[in-house]
Every structure is written in C-alpha cells, then in structure tokens.
Amino acid sequence: MQVGHAENSLFNTAVTQNIGGVHLNLGEDAEEDEAPELPPPNSQSLALFRALSARFTLEELETACWELGIVFEDLPAKTLSGKARQLVQKAEDLSLADKLIALVKRERPDAAL
C-alpha cells in the first residue's frame, strides 16, 4: 500500500492511496457525493425486489430475514422499499437468492417471479 500527498496547502489537502493497483483519491477534493457504482439488477432480482416491496410488510421482511439467517437490523435502509432492495442484494451476496425466491413463492404464490 502506497500513500502519498499529491498537494498540501492551507486550503486543500489531497491524499492518494494505491491499494492493489487501484488508485483512490481520499482528499478533500475527492467528490463526496460519489457513491460506488453497482451493476444494474438482473430481471430476477428486479422481480424479487418488486414482489417484496409491493406485497410484504416491514414485519414480514423481518421474518423473511430471520428465516434466511440475515440480521434485519444489518439492512440500514429505513423504508420498506429500501429494506426490500437491500434484502435482495444481501441474499444474492450470501448465495441465498434461491431460498428468498422460494420463500416469496410460498408466502405469495401469485407473485410474478
């Protein structure tokens, strides 16, 4: 890991960091509003998100998390749609998407998945 100062003055300090060949700008002139770019959801993920956000309550999402072994409070969103989106992403990250799909089909057999 290499850390260097690209520019240092009273009003502007830019720090760059090279980690594993990736160059990061960590200074004050780095854009603060930039969020990491995520790949667009696939059609299955989008359908799952839509079913969860439209057909489940927050309490039902919490129960779904419990069934999957996901800590509901670890999903930082505050809204139903935000929790649904993060649940889909977390399930995919943990290779639990198939179990989440089965759960949705069991609870809402008419959901379009």
C-alpha atoms as a PDB file:
ATOM      1  CA  MET A   1       0.000   0.000   0.000  1.00  0.00           C
ATOM      2  CA  GLN A   2       1.400   3.368  -1.016  1.00  0.00           C
ATOM      3  CA  VAL A   3       0.166   6.602   0.493  1.00  0.00           C
ATOM      4  CA  GLY A   4       1.282   9.958  -0.822  1.00  0.00           C
ATOM      5  CA  HIS A   5       0.349  13.602  -0.680  1.00  0.00           C
ATOM      6  CA  ALA A   6      -0.432  14.966  -4.122  1.00  0.00           C
ATOM      7  CA  GLU A   7      -0.932  18.531  -2.892  1.00  0.00           C
ATOM      8  CA  ASN A   8      -0.708  20.103   0.527  1.00  0.00           C
ATOM      9  CA  SER A   9      -1.689  23.665   1.330  1.00  0.00           C
ATOM     10  CA  LEU A  10      -3.660  25.504   3.959  1.00  0.00           C
ATOM     11  CA  PHE A  11      -6.872  25.205   1.927  1.00  0.00           C
ATOM     12  CA  ASN A  12      -6.540  21.939   0.027  1.00  0.00           C
ATOM     13  CA  THR A  13      -5.081  18.605   1.038  1.00  0.00           C
ATOM     14  CA  ALA A  14      -5.328  15.749  -1.410  1.00  0.00           C
ATOM     15  CA  VAL A  15      -4.268  12.287  -0.321  1.00  0.00           C
ATOM     16  CA  THR A  16      -3.943   9.476  -2.795  1.00  0.00           C
ATOM     17  CA  GLN A  17      -3.722   5.829  -1.968  1.00  0.00           C
ATOM     18  CA  ASN A  18      -2.731   2.906  -4.163  1.00  0.00           C
ATOM     19  CA  ILE A  19      -4.190  -0.385  -2.946  1.00  0.00           C
ATOM     20  CA  GLY A  20      -3.716  -3.462  -5.081  1.00  0.00           C
ATOM     21  CA  GLY A  21      -3.268  -1.398  -8.222  1.00  0.00           C
ATOM     22  CA  VAL A  22      -6.404   0.684  -7.593  1.00  0.00           C
ATOM     23  CA  HIS A  23      -5.773   4.411  -7.252  1.00  0.00           C
ATOM     24  CA  LEU A  24      -8.049   6.153  -4.740  1.00  0.00           C
ATOM     25  CA  ASN A  25      -8.320   9.896  -4.131  1.00  0.00           C
ATOM     26  CA  LEU A  26      -9.068  10.311  -0.429  1.00  0.00           C
ATOM     27  CA  GLY A  27      -8.502  14.042  -0.034  1.00  0.00           C
ATOM     28  CA  GLU A  28     -10.813  16.963   0.376  1.00  0.00           C
ATOM     29  CA  ASP A  29     -11.024  17.433  -3.363  1.00  0.00           C
ATOM     30  CA  ALA A  30     -12.487  13.925  -3.773  1.00  0.00           C
ATOM     31  CA  GLU A  31     -16.130  14.091  -4.726  1.00  0.00           C
ATOM     32  CA  GLU A  32     -18.114  13.442  -1.568  1.00  0.00           C
ATOM     33  CA  ASP A  33     -21.413  12.666  -3.260  1.00  0.00           C
ATOM     34  CA  GLU A  34     -19.959   9.881  -5.397  1.00  0.00           C
ATOM     35  CA  ALA A  35     -21.387   6.504  -4.424  1.00  0.00           C
ATOM     36  CA  PRO A  36     -19.805   3.279  -5.582  1.00  0.00           C
ATOM     37  CA  GLU A  37     -21.367   2.225  -8.853  1.00  0.00           C
ATOM     38  CA  LEU A  38     -23.324  -1.010  -8.566  1.00  0.00           C
ATOM     39  CA  PRO A  39     -24.217  -3.180 -11.516  1.00  0.00           C
ATOM     40  CA  PRO A  40     -27.867  -2.937 -12.602  1.00  0.00           C
ATOM     41  CA  PRO A  41     -30.105  -5.645 -11.175  1.00  0.00           C
ATOM     42  CA  ASN A  42     -30.933  -8.609 -13.360  1.00  0.00           C
ATOM     43  CA  SER A  43     -34.572  -9.289 -14.218  1.00  0.00           C
ATOM     44  CA  GLN A  44     -34.929 -11.929 -11.478  1.00  0.00           C
ATOM     45  CA  SER A  45     -33.561  -9.551  -8.828  1.00  0.00           C
ATOM     46  CA  LEU A  46     -35.835  -6.778 -10.024  1.00  0.00           C
ATOM     47  CA  ALA A  47     -38.899  -9.045  -9.951  1.00  0.00           C
ATOM     48  CA  LEU A  48     -37.954 -10.225  -6.451  1.00  0.00           C
ATOM     49  CA  PHE A  49     -37.495  -6.624  -5.258  1.00  0.00           C
ATOM     50  CA  ARG A  50     -40.847  -5.600  -6.744  1.00  0.00           C
ATOM     51  CA  ALA A  51     -42.654  -8.530  -5.114  1.00  0.00           C
ATOM     52  CA  LEU A  52     -41.096  -7.846  -1.710  1.00  0.00           C
ATOM     53  CA  SER A  53     -41.656  -4.095  -1.781  1.00  0.00           C
ATOM     54  CA  ALA A  54     -45.236  -4.290  -3.069  1.00  0.00           C
ATOM     55  CA  ARG A  55     -46.562  -7.416  -1.372  1.00  0.00           C
ATOM     56  CA  PHE A  56     -44.757  -7.656   2.007  1.00  0.00           C
ATOM     57  CA  THR A  57     -44.885  -5.540   5.149  1.00  0.00           C
ATOM     58  CA  LEU A  58     -41.796  -4.476   7.104  1.00  0.00           C
ATOM     59  CA  GLU A  59     -42.639  -7.123   9.703  1.00  0.00           C
ATOM     60  CA  GLU A  60     -42.876  -9.802   7.007  1.00  0.00           C
ATOM     61  CA  LEU A  61     -39.487  -8.699   5.637  1.00  0.00           C
ATOM     62  CA  GLU A  62     -38.076  -9.033   9.142  1.00  0.00           C
ATOM     63  CA  THR A  63     -39.471 -12.568   9.363  1.00  0.00           C
ATOM     64  CA  ALA A  64     -38.021 -13.405   5.935  1.00  0.00           C
ATOM     65  CA  CYS A  65     -34.622 -12.177   7.125  1.00  0.00           C
ATOM     66  CA  TRP A  66     -34.903 -14.343  10.228  1.00  0.00           C
ATOM     67  CA  GLU A  67     -35.764 -17.405   8.128  1.00  0.00           C
ATOM     68  CA  LEU A  68     -32.713 -16.771   5.938  1.00  0.00           C
ATOM     69  CA  GLY A  69     -30.368 -16.087   8.843  1.00  0.00           C
ATOM     70  CA  ILE A  70     -29.940 -12.421   7.887  1.00  0.00           C
ATOM     71  CA  VAL A  71     -29.989  -9.823  10.658  1.00  0.00           C
ATOM     72  CA  PHE A  72     -32.760  -7.385   9.728  1.00  0.00           C
ATOM     73  CA  GLU A  73     -31.054  -4.525  11.568  1.00  0.00           C
ATOM     74  CA  ASP A  74     -27.968  -5.001   9.353  1.00  0.00           C
ATOM     75  CA  LEU A  75     -30.049  -3.673   6.452  1.00  0.00           C
ATOM     76  CA  PRO A  76     -29.506   0.056   7.042  1.00  0.00           C
ATOM     77  CA  ALA A  77     -32.436   1.365   4.976  1.00  0.00           C
ATOM     78  CA  LYS A  78     -35.396   2.796   6.832  1.00  0.00           C
ATOM     79  CA  THR A  79     -38.168   2.365   4.263  1.00  0.00           C
ATOM     80  CA  LEU A  80     -39.936  -0.773   3.099  1.00  0.00           C
ATOM     81  CA  SER A  81     -38.611  -0.457  -0.447  1.00  0.00           C
ATOM     82  CA  GLY A  82     -35.091   0.236   0.805  1.00  0.00           C
ATOM     83  CA  LYS A  83     -35.148  -2.810   3.097  1.00  0.00           C
ATOM     84  CA  ALA A  84     -36.530  -4.940   0.236  1.00  0.00           C
ATOM     85  CA  ARG A  85     -33.771  -3.796  -2.126  1.00  0.00           C
ATOM     86  CA  GLN A  86     -31.066  -4.433   0.462  1.00  0.00           C
ATOM     87  CA  LEU A  87     -32.535  -7.825   1.360  1.00  0.00           C
ATOM     88  CA  VAL A  88     -32.365  -8.913  -2.289  1.00  0.00           C
ATOM     89  CA  GLN A  89     -28.758  -7.704  -2.541  1.00  0.00           C
ATOM     90  CA  LYS A  90     -27.754  -9.362   0.747  1.00  0.00           C
ATOM     91  CA  ALA A  91     -29.424 -12.626  -0.265  1.00  0.00           C
ATOM     92  CA  GLU A  92     -27.519 -12.565  -3.561  1.00  0.00           C
ATOM     93  CA  ASP A  93     -24.240 -11.748  -1.798  1.00  0.00           C
ATOM     94  CA  LEU A  94     -24.750 -14.714   0.560  1.00  0.00           C
ATOM     95  CA  SER A  95     -25.939 -17.094  -2.200  1.00  0.00           C
ATOM     96  CA  LEU A  96     -29.397 -17.191  -0.633  1.00  0.00           C
ATOM     97  CA  ALA A  97     -31.363 -15.756  -3.551  1.00  0.00           C
ATOM     98  CA  ASP A  98     -32.937 -19.125  -4.416  1.00  0.00           C
ATOM     99  CA  LYS A  99     -34.132 -19.514  -0.820  1.00  0.00           C
ATOM    100  CA  LEU A 100     -35.567 -15.992  -0.851  1.00  0.00           C
ATOM    101  CA  ILE A 101     -37.373 -16.722  -4.123  1.00  0.00           C
ATOM    102  CA  ALA A 102     -38.807 -19.934  -2.634  1.00  0.00           C
ATOM    103  CA  LEU A 103     -39.934 -18.007   0.452  1.00  0.00           C
ATOM    104  CA  VAL A 104     -41.695 -15.362  -1.653  1.00  0.00           C
ATOM    105  CA  LYS A 105     -43.380 -18.038  -3.783  1.00  0.00           C
ATOM    106  CA  ARG A 106     -44.508 -19.852  -0.636  1.00  0.00           C
ATOM    107  CA  GLU A 107     -45.916 -16.720   1.012  1.00  0.00           C
ATOM    108  CA  ARG A 108     -47.270 -15.099  -2.165  1.00  0.00           C
ATOM    109  CA  PRO A 109     -47.886 -17.894  -4.691  1.00  0.00           C
ATOM    110  CA  ASP A 110     -49.367 -15.442  -7.176  1.00  0.00           C
ATOM    111  CA  ALA A 111     -46.289 -13.181  -7.172  1.00  0.00           C
ATOM    112  CA  ALA A 112     -44.751 -12.775 -10.606  1.00  0.00           C
ATOM    113  CA  LEU A 113     -41.283 -14.267 -10.253  1.00  0.00           C
END
